[in-house]
Amino acid sequence: MVSGHAEEIDRLRTALRDAGVDSVRLTVTHAFHSRLLDPILEEFEAGLSSCEFSPPAIPMLSNLSGTLLQVAPDARYWRNHLRQTVRFTACLEQLQALNVSSTDAYEL
């Protein structure tokens, strides 16, 4: 997955098509986890800094690390979550290591 300004994405899709590679443009409201969110990160974190966070009541995987969260995520964690790469595969591997199926993952 890539993100960027519309013109950049269009150029990339053209290059991919010319190379015989299919692509699909996703219809989303924001380019989450990309540099396009950099201008709002400080305000986002500041807004969350007044919130009180608690450790997860049930086991929760972090998309930042692909591991179980051991402590309460704080405002900086959620800022990083908004901008950094989602470690989806690492989360799936962790679920597999825990021997959890997709149908009972919510019951961890």
PDB file of N, CA and C in Angstrom:
ATOM      1  N   MET A   1       0.840  -1.155   0.000  1.00  0.00           N
ATOM      2  CA  MET A   1       0.000   0.000   0.000  1.00  0.00           C
ATOM      3  C   MET A   1       0.894   1.228   0.000  1.00  0.00           C
ATOM      4  N   VAL A   2       0.470   2.215  -0.725  1.00  0.00           N
ATOM      5  CA  VAL A   2       1.212   3.481  -0.789  1.00  0.00           C
ATOM      6  C   VAL A   2       0.238   4.619  -0.532  1.00  0.00           C
ATOM      7  N   SER A   3       0.799   5.756  -0.175  1.00  0.00           N
ATOM      8  CA  SER A   3      -0.024   6.949   0.001  1.00  0.00           C
ATOM      9  C   SER A   3       0.737   8.135  -0.558  1.00  0.00           C
ATOM     10  N   GLY A   4       0.016   9.174  -0.811  1.00  0.00           N
ATOM     11  CA  GLY A   4       0.630  10.386  -1.340  1.00  0.00           C
ATOM     12  C   GLY A   4      -0.433  11.271  -1.944  1.00  0.00           C
ATOM     13  N   HIS A   5       0.010  12.312  -2.575  1.00  0.00           N
ATOM     14  CA  HIS A   5      -0.925  13.216  -3.240  1.00  0.00           C
ATOM     15  C   HIS A   5      -1.496  12.528  -4.483  1.00  0.00           C
ATOM     16  N   ALA A   6      -2.698  12.926  -4.864  1.00  0.00           N
ATOM     17  CA  ALA A   6      -3.414  12.261  -5.962  1.00  0.00           C
ATOM     18  C   ALA A   6      -2.581  12.161  -7.237  1.00  0.00           C
ATOM     19  N   GLU A   7      -1.864  13.229  -7.558  1.00  0.00           N
ATOM     20  CA  GLU A   7      -1.059  13.220  -8.786  1.00  0.00           C
ATOM     21  C   GLU A   7       0.056  12.179  -8.702  1.00  0.00           C
ATOM     22  N   GLU A   8       0.665  12.048  -7.525  1.00  0.00           N
ATOM     23  CA  GLU A   8       1.730  11.058  -7.344  1.00  0.00           C
ATOM     24  C   GLU A   8       1.180   9.642  -7.485  1.00  0.00           C
ATOM     25  N   ILE A   9       0.017   9.426  -6.889  1.00  0.00           N
ATOM     26  CA  ILE A   9      -0.610   8.099  -6.966  1.00  0.00           C
ATOM     27  C   ILE A   9      -0.966   7.774  -8.409  1.00  0.00           C
ATOM     28  N   ASP A  10      -1.492   8.749  -9.129  1.00  0.00           N
ATOM     29  CA  ASP A  10      -1.843   8.527 -10.541  1.00  0.00           C
ATOM     30  C   ASP A  10      -0.606   8.159 -11.362  1.00  0.00           C
ATOM     31  N   ARG A  11       0.519   8.848 -11.126  1.00  0.00           N
ATOM     32  CA  ARG A  11       1.754   8.520 -11.854  1.00  0.00           C
ATOM     33  C   ARG A  11       2.220   7.106 -11.527  1.00  0.00           C
ATOM     34  N   LEU A  12       2.143   6.742 -10.261  1.00  0.00           N
ATOM     35  CA  LEU A  12       2.551   5.395  -9.856  1.00  0.00           C
ATOM     36  C   LEU A  12       1.648   4.346 -10.489  1.00  0.00           C
ATOM     37  N   ARG A  13       0.345   4.585 -10.472  1.00  0.00           N
ATOM     38  CA  ARG A  13      -0.590   3.613 -11.055  1.00  0.00           C
ATOM     39  C   ARG A  13      -0.337   3.449 -12.558  1.00  0.00           C
ATOM     40  N   THR A  14       0.000   4.537 -13.237  1.00  0.00           N
ATOM     41  CA  THR A  14       0.323   4.461 -14.663  1.00  0.00           C
ATOM     42  C   THR A  14       1.580   3.620 -14.872  1.00  0.00           C
ATOM     43  N   ALA A  15       2.600   3.857 -14.057  1.00  0.00           N
ATOM     44  CA  ALA A  15       3.840   3.091 -14.175  1.00  0.00           C
ATOM     45  C   ALA A  15       3.589   1.612 -13.883  1.00  0.00           C
ATOM     46  N   LEU A  16       2.783   1.343 -12.876  1.00  0.00           N
ATOM     47  CA  LEU A  16       2.455  -0.053 -12.558  1.00  0.00           C
ATOM     48  C   LEU A  16       1.700  -0.711 -13.711  1.00  0.00           C
ATOM     49  N   ARG A  17       0.713  -0.003 -14.239  1.00  0.00           N
ATOM     50  CA  ARG A  17      -0.062  -0.545 -15.367  1.00  0.00           C
ATOM     51  C   ARG A  17       0.853  -0.826 -16.553  1.00  0.00           C
ATOM     52  N   ASP A  18       1.755   0.119 -16.853  1.00  0.00           N
ATOM     53  CA  ASP A  18       2.689  -0.070 -17.970  1.00  0.00           C
ATOM     54  C   ASP A  18       3.615  -1.267 -17.745  1.00  0.00           C
ATOM     55  N   ALA A  19       3.853  -1.609 -16.472  1.00  0.00           N
ATOM     56  CA  ALA A  19       4.697  -2.755 -16.140  1.00  0.00           C
ATOM     57  C   ALA A  19       3.888  -4.039 -16.010  1.00  0.00           C
ATOM     58  N   GLY A  20       2.570  -3.939 -16.261  1.00  0.00           N
ATOM     59  CA  GLY A  20       1.721  -5.122 -16.196  1.00  0.00           C
ATOM     60  C   GLY A  20       1.277  -5.485 -14.793  1.00  0.00           C
ATOM     61  N   VAL A  21       1.317  -4.527 -13.895  1.00  0.00           N
ATOM     62  CA  VAL A  21       0.939  -4.772 -12.509  1.00  0.00           C
ATOM     63  C   VAL A  21      -0.407  -4.092 -12.238  1.00  0.00           C
ATOM     64  N   ASP A  22      -1.374  -4.902 -11.780  1.00  0.00           N
ATOM     65  CA  ASP A  22      -2.678  -4.344 -11.432  1.00  0.00           C
ATOM     66  C   ASP A  22      -2.594  -3.581 -10.128  1.00  0.00           C
ATOM     67  N   SER A  23      -3.406  -2.555 -10.005  1.00  0.00           N
ATOM     68  CA  SER A  23      -3.506  -1.810  -8.749  1.00  0.00           C
ATOM     69  C   SER A  23      -4.937  -1.337  -8.580  1.00  0.00           C
ATOM     70  N   VAL A  24      -5.285  -1.057  -7.362  1.00  0.00           N
ATOM     71  CA  VAL A  24      -6.623  -0.579  -7.029  1.00  0.00           C
ATOM     72  C   VAL A  24      -6.472   0.657  -6.168  1.00  0.00           C
ATOM     73  N   ARG A  25      -7.176   1.691  -6.513  1.00  0.00           N
ATOM     74  CA  ARG A  25      -7.156   2.914  -5.704  1.00  0.00           C
ATOM     75  C   ARG A  25      -8.228   2.764  -4.625  1.00  0.00           C
ATOM     76  N   LEU A  26      -7.817   2.923  -3.385  1.00  0.00           N
ATOM     77  CA  LEU A  26      -8.753   2.831  -2.271  1.00  0.00           C
ATOM     78  C   LEU A  26      -9.431   4.173  -2.056  1.00  0.00           C
ATOM     79  N   THR A  27     -10.710   4.119  -1.756  1.00  0.00           N
ATOM     80  CA  THR A  27     -11.446   5.334  -1.439  1.00  0.00           C
ATOM     81  C   THR A  27     -11.439   5.502   0.073  1.00  0.00           C
ATOM     82  N   VAL A  28     -10.591   6.386   0.541  1.00  0.00           N
ATOM     83  CA  VAL A  28     -10.470   6.642   1.979  1.00  0.00           C
ATOM     84  C   VAL A  28     -10.509   8.152   2.211  1.00  0.00           C
ATOM     85  N   THR A  29     -10.811   8.524   3.446  1.00  0.00           N
ATOM     86  CA  THR A  29     -10.907   9.952   3.752  1.00  0.00           C
ATOM     87  C   THR A  29      -9.563  10.585   4.073  1.00  0.00           C
ATOM     88  N   HIS A  30      -8.603   9.769   4.538  1.00  0.00           N
ATOM     89  CA  HIS A  30      -7.287  10.296   4.908  1.00  0.00           C
ATOM     90  C   HIS A  30      -6.219   9.265   4.564  1.00  0.00           C
ATOM     91  N   ALA A  31      -5.024   9.725   4.380  1.00  0.00           N
ATOM     92  CA  ALA A  31      -3.893   8.839   4.131  1.00  0.00           C
ATOM     93  C   ALA A  31      -3.261   8.468   5.472  1.00  0.00           C
ATOM     94  N   PHE A  32      -3.977   7.643   6.236  1.00  0.00           N
ATOM     95  CA  PHE A  32      -3.486   7.255   7.549  1.00  0.00           C
ATOM     96  C   PHE A  32      -2.131   6.565   7.434  1.00  0.00           C
ATOM     97  N   HIS A  33      -1.321   6.711   8.466  1.00  0.00           N
ATOM     98  CA  HIS A  33      -0.001   6.096   8.562  1.00  0.00           C
ATOM     99  C   HIS A  33       0.967   6.652   7.522  1.00  0.00           C
ATOM    100  N   SER A  34       0.719   7.846   7.026  1.00  0.00           N
ATOM    101  CA  SER A  34       1.602   8.432   6.021  1.00  0.00           C
ATOM    102  C   SER A  34       2.057   9.825   6.467  1.00  0.00           C
ATOM    103  N   ARG A  35       3.041  10.346   5.747  1.00  0.00           N
ATOM    104  CA  ARG A  35       3.578  11.680   6.053  1.00  0.00           C
ATOM    105  C   ARG A  35       2.530  12.781   5.894  1.00  0.00           C
ATOM    106  N   LEU A  36       1.444  12.485   5.198  1.00  0.00           N
ATOM    107  CA  LEU A  36       0.402  13.491   5.011  1.00  0.00           C
ATOM    108  C   LEU A  36      -0.290  13.845   6.327  1.00  0.00           C
ATOM    109  N   LEU A  37      -0.115  13.025   7.339  1.00  0.00           N
ATOM    110  CA  LEU A  37      -0.697  13.317   8.655  1.00  0.00           C
ATOM    111  C   LEU A  37       0.249  14.085   9.561  1.00  0.00           C
ATOM    112  N   ASP A  38       1.491  14.265   9.153  1.00  0.00           N
ATOM    113  CA  ASP A  38       2.471  14.944  10.004  1.00  0.00           C
ATOM    114  C   ASP A  38       2.003  16.297  10.539  1.00  0.00           C
ATOM    115  N   PRO A  39       1.311  17.121   9.747  1.00  0.00           N
ATOM    116  CA  PRO A  39       0.915  18.435  10.264  1.00  0.00           C
ATOM    117  C   PRO A  39      -0.036  18.408  11.471  1.00  0.00           C
ATOM    118  N   ILE A  40      -0.722  17.308  11.702  1.00  0.00           N
ATOM    119  CA  ILE A  40      -1.688  17.285  12.810  1.00  0.00           C
ATOM    120  C   ILE A  40      -1.221  16.470  14.014  1.00  0.00           C
ATOM    121  N   LEU A  41      -0.038  15.873  13.926  1.00  0.00           N
ATOM    122  CA  LEU A  41       0.397  14.958  14.980  1.00  0.00           C
ATOM    123  C   LEU A  41       0.526  15.623  16.351  1.00  0.00           C
ATOM    124  N   GLU A  42       1.123  16.802  16.414  1.00  0.00           N
ATOM    125  CA  GLU A  42       1.290  17.464  17.710  1.00  0.00           C
ATOM    126  C   GLU A  42      -0.052  17.800  18.337  1.00  0.00           C
ATOM    127  N   GLU A  43      -0.967  18.341  17.532  1.00  0.00           N
ATOM    128  CA  GLU A  43      -2.299  18.676  18.050  1.00  0.00           C
ATOM    129  C   GLU A  43      -3.054  17.419  18.469  1.00  0.00           C
ATOM    130  N   PHE A  44      -2.916  16.353  17.701  1.00  0.00           N
ATOM    131  CA  PHE A  44      -3.565  15.091  18.034  1.00  0.00           C
ATOM    132  C   PHE A  44      -3.071  14.575  19.383  1.00  0.00           C
ATOM    133  N   GLU A  45      -1.751  14.553  19.573  1.00  0.00           N
ATOM    134  CA  GLU A  45      -1.189  14.085  20.835  1.00  0.00           C
ATOM    135  C   GLU A  45      -1.581  15.001  21.989  1.00  0.00           C
ATOM    136  N   ALA A  46      -1.553  16.303  21.764  1.00  0.00           N
ATOM    137  CA  ALA A  46      -1.931  17.250  22.815  1.00  0.00           C
ATOM    138  C   ALA A  46      -3.385  17.036  23.233  1.00  0.00           C
ATOM    139  N   GLY A  47      -4.245  16.780  22.269  1.00  0.00           N
ATOM    140  CA  GLY A  47      -5.653  16.536  22.577  1.00  0.00           C
ATOM    141  C   GLY A  47      -5.848  15.291  23.416  1.00  0.00           C
ATOM    142  N   LEU A  48      -5.030  14.289  23.186  1.00  0.00           N
ATOM    143  CA  LEU A  48      -5.141  13.039  23.943  1.00  0.00           C
ATOM    144  C   LEU A  48      -4.421  13.096  25.288  1.00  0.00           C
ATOM    145  N   SER A  49      -3.525  14.057  25.455  1.00  0.00           N
ATOM    146  CA  SER A  49      -2.703  14.080  26.668  1.00  0.00           C
ATOM    147  C   SER A  49      -3.523  14.337  27.930  1.00  0.00           C
ATOM    148  N   SER A  50      -4.711  14.863  27.791  1.00  0.00           N
ATOM    149  CA  SER A  50      -5.552  15.085  28.965  1.00  0.00           C
ATOM    150  C   SER A  50      -6.412  13.865  29.306  1.00  0.00           C
ATOM    151  N   CYS A  51      -6.345  12.841  28.472  1.00  0.00           N
ATOM    152  CA  CYS A  51      -7.120  11.623  28.714  1.00  0.00           C
ATOM    153  C   CYS A  51      -6.375  10.702  29.674  1.00  0.00           C
ATOM    154  N   GLU A  52      -7.130   9.966  30.458  1.00  0.00           N
ATOM    155  CA  GLU A  52      -6.547   8.952  31.334  1.00  0.00           C
ATOM    156  C   GLU A  52      -6.709   7.601  30.658  1.00  0.00           C
ATOM    157  N   PHE A  53      -5.610   6.939  30.417  1.00  0.00           N
ATOM    158  CA  PHE A  53      -5.624   5.649  29.741  1.00  0.00           C
ATOM    159  C   PHE A  53      -5.406   4.542  30.759  1.00  0.00           C
ATOM    160  N   SER A  54      -6.076   3.439  30.546  1.00  0.00           N
ATOM    161  CA  SER A  54      -5.953   2.275  31.423  1.00  0.00           C
ATOM    162  C   SER A  54      -5.358   1.122  30.638  1.00  0.00           C
ATOM    163  N   PRO A  55      -4.712   0.203  31.354  1.00  0.00           N
ATOM    164  CA  PRO A  55      -4.234  -0.993  30.652  1.00  0.00           C
ATOM    165  C   PRO A  55      -5.425  -1.733  30.036  1.00  0.00           C
ATOM    166  N   PRO A  56      -5.208  -2.457  28.969  1.00  0.00           N
ATOM    167  CA  PRO A  56      -6.308  -3.192  28.351  1.00  0.00           C
ATOM    168  C   PRO A  56      -6.963  -4.155  29.345  1.00  0.00           C
ATOM    169  N   ALA A  57      -8.285  -4.196  29.336  1.00  0.00           N
ATOM    170  CA  ALA A  57      -9.032  -5.114  30.207  1.00  0.00           C
ATOM    171  C   ALA A  57      -8.976  -6.540  29.670  1.00  0.00           C
ATOM    172  N   ILE A  58      -8.777  -6.658  28.373  1.00  0.00           N
ATOM    173  CA  ILE A  58      -8.588  -7.958  27.730  1.00  0.00           C
ATOM    174  C   ILE A  58      -7.288  -7.866  26.940  1.00  0.00           C
ATOM    175  N   PRO A  59      -6.656  -8.969  26.632  1.00  0.00           N
ATOM    176  CA  PRO A  59      -5.418  -8.897  25.849  1.00  0.00           C
ATOM    177  C   PRO A  59      -5.635  -8.131  24.550  1.00  0.00           C
ATOM    178  N   MET A  60      -4.685  -7.265  24.247  1.00  0.00           N
ATOM    179  CA  MET A  60      -4.786  -6.398  23.073  1.00  0.00           C
ATOM    180  C   MET A  60      -3.453  -6.397  22.350  1.00  0.00           C
ATOM    181  N   LEU A  61      -3.503  -6.663  21.055  1.00  0.00           N
ATOM    182  CA  LEU A  61      -2.294  -6.623  20.248  1.00  0.00           C
ATOM    183  C   LEU A  61      -2.035  -5.200  19.783  1.00  0.00           C
ATOM    184  N   SER A  62      -0.790  -4.827  19.770  1.00  0.00           N
ATOM    185  CA  SER A  62      -0.386  -3.519  19.274  1.00  0.00           C
ATOM    186  C   SER A  62      -0.032  -3.629  17.802  1.00  0.00           C
ATOM    187  N   ASN A  63      -0.648  -2.794  16.982  1.00  0.00           N
ATOM    188  CA  ASN A  63      -0.285  -2.753  15.564  1.00  0.00           C
ATOM    189  C   ASN A  63       1.074  -2.110  15.353  1.00  0.00           C
ATOM    190  N   LEU A  64       1.624  -1.481  16.385  1.00  0.00           N
ATOM    191  CA  LEU A  64       2.953  -0.887  16.268  1.00  0.00           C
ATOM    192  C   LEU A  64       4.053  -1.925  16.418  1.00  0.00           C
ATOM    193  N   SER A  65       3.820  -2.911  17.264  1.00  0.00           N
ATOM    194  CA  SER A  65       4.861  -3.905  17.550  1.00  0.00           C
ATOM    195  C   SER A  65       4.481  -5.320  17.121  1.00  0.00           C
ATOM    196  N   GLY A  66       3.205  -5.598  17.005  1.00  0.00           N
ATOM    197  CA  GLY A  66       2.758  -6.953  16.716  1.00  0.00           C
ATOM    198  C   GLY A  66       2.759  -7.841  17.943  1.00  0.00           C
ATOM    199  N   THR A  67       2.884  -7.233  19.112  1.00  0.00           N
ATOM    200  CA  THR A  67       2.923  -7.989  20.365  1.00  0.00           C
ATOM    201  C   THR A  67       1.778  -7.545  21.267  1.00  0.00           C
ATOM    202  N   LEU A  68       1.561  -8.313  22.324  1.00  0.00           N
ATOM    203  CA  LEU A  68       0.530  -7.948  23.292  1.00  0.00           C
ATOM    204  C   LEU A  68       0.958  -6.704  24.060  1.00  0.00           C
ATOM    205  N   LEU A  69       0.005  -5.795  24.251  1.00  0.00           N
ATOM    206  CA  LEU A  69       0.273  -4.610  25.070  1.00  0.00           C
ATOM    207  C   LEU A  69       0.344  -5.029  26.524  1.00  0.00           C
ATOM    208  N   GLN A  70       1.350  -4.572  27.207  1.00  0.00           N
ATOM    209  CA  GLN A  70       1.523  -4.907  28.615  1.00  0.00           C
ATOM    210  C   GLN A  70       1.152  -3.736  29.531  1.00  0.00           C
ATOM    211  N   VAL A  71       1.105  -2.541  28.971  1.00  0.00           N
ATOM    212  CA  VAL A  71       0.814  -1.329  29.748  1.00  0.00           C
ATOM    213  C   VAL A  71      -0.257  -0.525  29.016  1.00  0.00           C
ATOM    214  N   ALA A  72      -0.782   0.453  29.707  1.00  0.00           N
ATOM    215  CA  ALA A  72      -1.779   1.319  29.081  1.00  0.00           C
ATOM    216  C   ALA A  72      -1.124   2.144  27.982  1.00  0.00           C
ATOM    217  N   PRO A  73      -1.707   2.155  26.794  1.00  0.00           N
ATOM    218  CA  PRO A  73      -1.178   3.041  25.759  1.00  0.00           C
ATOM    219  C   PRO A  73      -1.432   4.485  26.170  1.00  0.00           C
ATOM    220  N   ASP A  74      -0.497   5.369  25.892  1.00  0.00           N
ATOM    221  CA  ASP A  74      -0.647   6.771  26.255  1.00  0.00           C
ATOM    222  C   ASP A  74      -0.838   7.623  24.997  1.00  0.00           C
ATOM    223  N   ALA A  75      -0.863   8.923  25.174  1.00  0.00           N
ATOM    224  CA  ALA A  75      -1.082   9.826  24.039  1.00  0.00           C
ATOM    225  C   ALA A  75      -0.009   9.646  22.970  1.00  0.00           C
ATOM    226  N   ARG A  76       1.242   9.430  23.372  1.00  0.00           N
ATOM    227  CA  ARG A  76       2.331   9.234  22.413  1.00  0.00           C
ATOM    228  C   ARG A  76       2.125   7.940  21.626  1.00  0.00           C
ATOM    229  N   TYR A  77       1.649   6.899  22.295  1.00  0.00           N
ATOM    230  CA  TYR A  77       1.367   5.634  21.608  1.00  0.00           C
ATOM    231  C   TYR A  77       0.352   5.871  20.486  1.00  0.00           C
ATOM    232  N   TRP A  78      -0.744   6.574  20.801  1.00  0.00           N
ATOM    233  CA  TRP A  78      -1.795   6.779  19.792  1.00  0.00           C
ATOM    234  C   TRP A  78      -1.324   7.697  18.683  1.00  0.00           C
ATOM    235  N   ARG A  79      -0.456   8.659  19.018  1.00  0.00           N
ATOM    236  CA  ARG A  79       0.153   9.491  17.965  1.00  0.00           C
ATOM    237  C   ARG A  79       0.956   8.596  17.026  1.00  0.00           C
ATOM    238  N   ASN A  80       1.799   7.741  17.600  1.00  0.00           N
ATOM    239  CA  ASN A  80       2.604   6.840  16.787  1.00  0.00           C
ATOM    240  C   ASN A  80       1.728   5.885  15.987  1.00  0.00           C
ATOM    241  N   HIS A  81       0.638   5.450  16.589  1.00  0.00           N
ATOM    242  CA  HIS A  81      -0.284   4.540  15.907  1.00  0.00           C
ATOM    243  C   HIS A  81      -0.880   5.205  14.668  1.00  0.00           C
ATOM    244  N   LEU A  82      -1.116   6.485  14.762  1.00  0.00           N
ATOM    245  CA  LEU A  82      -1.687   7.233  13.640  1.00  0.00           C
ATOM    246  C   LEU A  82      -0.706   7.348  12.482  1.00  0.00           C
ATOM    247  N   ARG A  83       0.590   7.333  12.771  1.00  0.00           N
ATOM    248  CA  ARG A  83       1.589   7.653  11.753  1.00  0.00           C
ATOM    249  C   ARG A  83       2.458   6.481  11.308  1.00  0.00           C
ATOM    250  N   GLN A  84       2.712   5.539  12.194  1.00  0.00           N
ATOM    251  CA  GLN A  84       3.674   4.496  11.859  1.00  0.00           C
ATOM    252  C   GLN A  84       3.045   3.334  11.088  1.00  0.00           C
ATOM    253  N   THR A  85       3.897   2.506  10.578  1.00  0.00           N
ATOM    254  CA  THR A  85       3.481   1.343   9.808  1.00  0.00           C
ATOM    255  C   THR A  85       2.672   0.383  10.671  1.00  0.00           C
ATOM    256  N   VAL A  86       1.589  -0.132  10.110  1.00  0.00           N
ATOM    257  CA  VAL A  86       0.778  -1.135  10.792  1.00  0.00           C
ATOM    258  C   VAL A  86       1.466  -2.487  10.617  1.00  0.00           C
ATOM    259  N   ARG A  87       1.729  -3.173  11.715  1.00  0.00           N
ATOM    260  CA  ARG A  87       2.412  -4.465  11.697  1.00  0.00           C
ATOM    261  C   ARG A  87       1.373  -5.590  11.698  1.00  0.00           C
ATOM    262  N   PHE A  88       0.539  -5.586  10.677  1.00  0.00           N
ATOM    263  CA  PHE A  88      -0.575  -6.517  10.584  1.00  0.00           C
ATOM    264  C   PHE A  88      -0.094  -7.969  10.567  1.00  0.00           C
ATOM    265  N   THR A  89       0.922  -8.248   9.765  1.00  0.00           N
ATOM    266  CA  THR A  89       1.433  -9.619   9.684  1.00  0.00           C
ATOM    267  C   THR A  89       1.972 -10.076  11.029  1.00  0.00           C
ATOM    268  N   ALA A  90       2.688  -9.198  11.726  1.00  0.00           N
ATOM    269  CA  ALA A  90       3.215  -9.548  13.051  1.00  0.00           C
ATOM    270  C   ALA A  90       2.079  -9.852  14.022  1.00  0.00           C
ATOM    271  N   CYS A  91       0.981  -9.120  13.920  1.00  0.00           N
ATOM    272  CA  CYS A  91      -0.182  -9.393  14.778  1.00  0.00           C
ATOM    273  C   CYS A  91      -0.783 -10.761  14.458  1.00  0.00           C
ATOM    274  N   LEU A  92      -0.901 -11.071  13.186  1.00  0.00           N
ATOM    275  CA  LEU A  92      -1.426 -12.381  12.799  1.00  0.00           C
ATOM    276  C   LEU A  92      -0.509 -13.499  13.275  1.00  0.00           C
ATOM    277  N   GLU A  93       0.793 -13.280  13.162  1.00  0.00           N
ATOM    278  CA  GLU A  93       1.740 -14.292  13.644  1.00  0.00           C
ATOM    279  C   GLU A  93       1.616 -14.477  15.155  1.00  0.00           C
ATOM    280  N   GLN A  94       1.400 -13.376  15.875  1.00  0.00           N
ATOM    281  CA  GLN A  94       1.227 -13.457  17.327  1.00  0.00           C
ATOM    282  C   GLN A  94      -0.050 -14.230  17.657  1.00  0.00           C
ATOM    283  N   LEU A  95      -1.126 -13.965  16.941  1.00  0.00           N
ATOM    284  CA  LEU A  95      -2.362 -14.716  17.157  1.00  0.00           C
ATOM    285  C   LEU A  95      -2.146 -16.199  16.892  1.00  0.00           C
ATOM    286  N   GLN A  96      -1.410 -16.501  15.831  1.00  0.00           N
ATOM    287  CA  GLN A  96      -1.130 -17.907  15.515  1.00  0.00           C
ATOM    288  C   GLN A  96      -0.298 -18.541  16.634  1.00  0.00           C
ATOM    289  N   ALA A  97       0.679 -17.810  17.148  1.00  0.00           N
ATOM    290  CA  ALA A  97       1.508 -18.332  18.236  1.00  0.00           C
ATOM    291  C   ALA A  97       0.679 -18.572  19.497  1.00  0.00           C
ATOM    292  N   LEU A  98      -0.345 -17.758  19.678  1.00  0.00           N
ATOM    293  CA  LEU A  98      -1.233 -17.928  20.823  1.00  0.00           C
ATOM    294  C   LEU A  98      -2.292 -18.989  20.554  1.00  0.00           C
ATOM    295  N   ASN A  99      -2.276 -19.537  19.321  1.00  0.00           N
ATOM    296  CA  ASN A  99      -3.235 -20.550  18.904  1.00  0.00           C
ATOM    297  C   ASN A  99      -4.671 -20.017  18.994  1.00  0.00           C
ATOM    298  N   VAL A 100      -4.873 -18.835  18.438  1.00  0.00           N
ATOM    299  CA  VAL A 100      -6.176 -18.184  18.448  1.00  0.00           C
ATOM    300  C   VAL A 100      -6.704 -18.122  17.028  1.00  0.00           C
ATOM    301  N   SER A 101      -7.918 -18.587  16.805  1.00  0.00           N
ATOM    302  CA  SER A 101      -8.523 -18.506  15.481  1.00  0.00           C
ATOM    303  C   SER A 101      -9.194 -17.148  15.315  1.00  0.00           C
ATOM    304  N   SER A 102      -9.490 -16.783  14.075  1.00  0.00           N
ATOM    305  CA  SER A 102     -10.125 -15.494  13.819  1.00  0.00           C
ATOM    306  C   SER A 102     -11.509 -15.427  14.436  1.00  0.00           C
ATOM    307  N   THR A 103     -12.173 -16.564  14.632  1.00  0.00           N
ATOM    308  CA  THR A 103     -13.522 -16.542  15.162  1.00  0.00           C
ATOM    309  C   THR A 103     -13.564 -16.366  16.674  1.00  0.00           C
ATOM    310  N   ASP A 104     -12.453 -16.700  17.353  1.00  0.00           N
ATOM    311  CA  ASP A 104     -12.479 -16.514  18.804  1.00  0.00           C
ATOM    312  C   ASP A 104     -11.429 -15.505  19.281  1.00  0.00           C
ATOM    313  N   ALA A 105     -10.819 -14.762  18.372  1.00  0.00           N
ATOM    314  CA  ALA A 105      -9.787 -13.796  18.744  1.00  0.00           C
ATOM    315  C   ALA A 105     -10.313 -12.760  19.733  1.00  0.00           C
ATOM    316  N   TYR A 106     -11.554 -12.367  19.600  1.00  0.00           N
ATOM    317  CA  TYR A 106     -12.109 -11.360  20.501  1.00  0.00           C
ATOM    318  C   TYR A 106     -12.249 -11.862  21.923  1.00  0.00           C
ATOM    319  N   GLU A 107     -12.140 -13.161  22.131  1.00  0.00           N
ATOM    320  CA  GLU A 107     -12.298 -13.742  23.461  1.00  0.00           C
ATOM    321  C   GLU A 107     -10.971 -14.009  24.159  1.00  0.00           C
ATOM    322  N   LEU A 108      -9.859 -13.613  23.562  1.00  0.00           N
ATOM    323  CA  LEU A 108      -8.562 -13.850  24.167  1.00  0.00           C
ATOM    324  C   LEU A 108      -8.640 -13.651  25.639  1.00  0.00           C
TER     325      LEU A 108
END
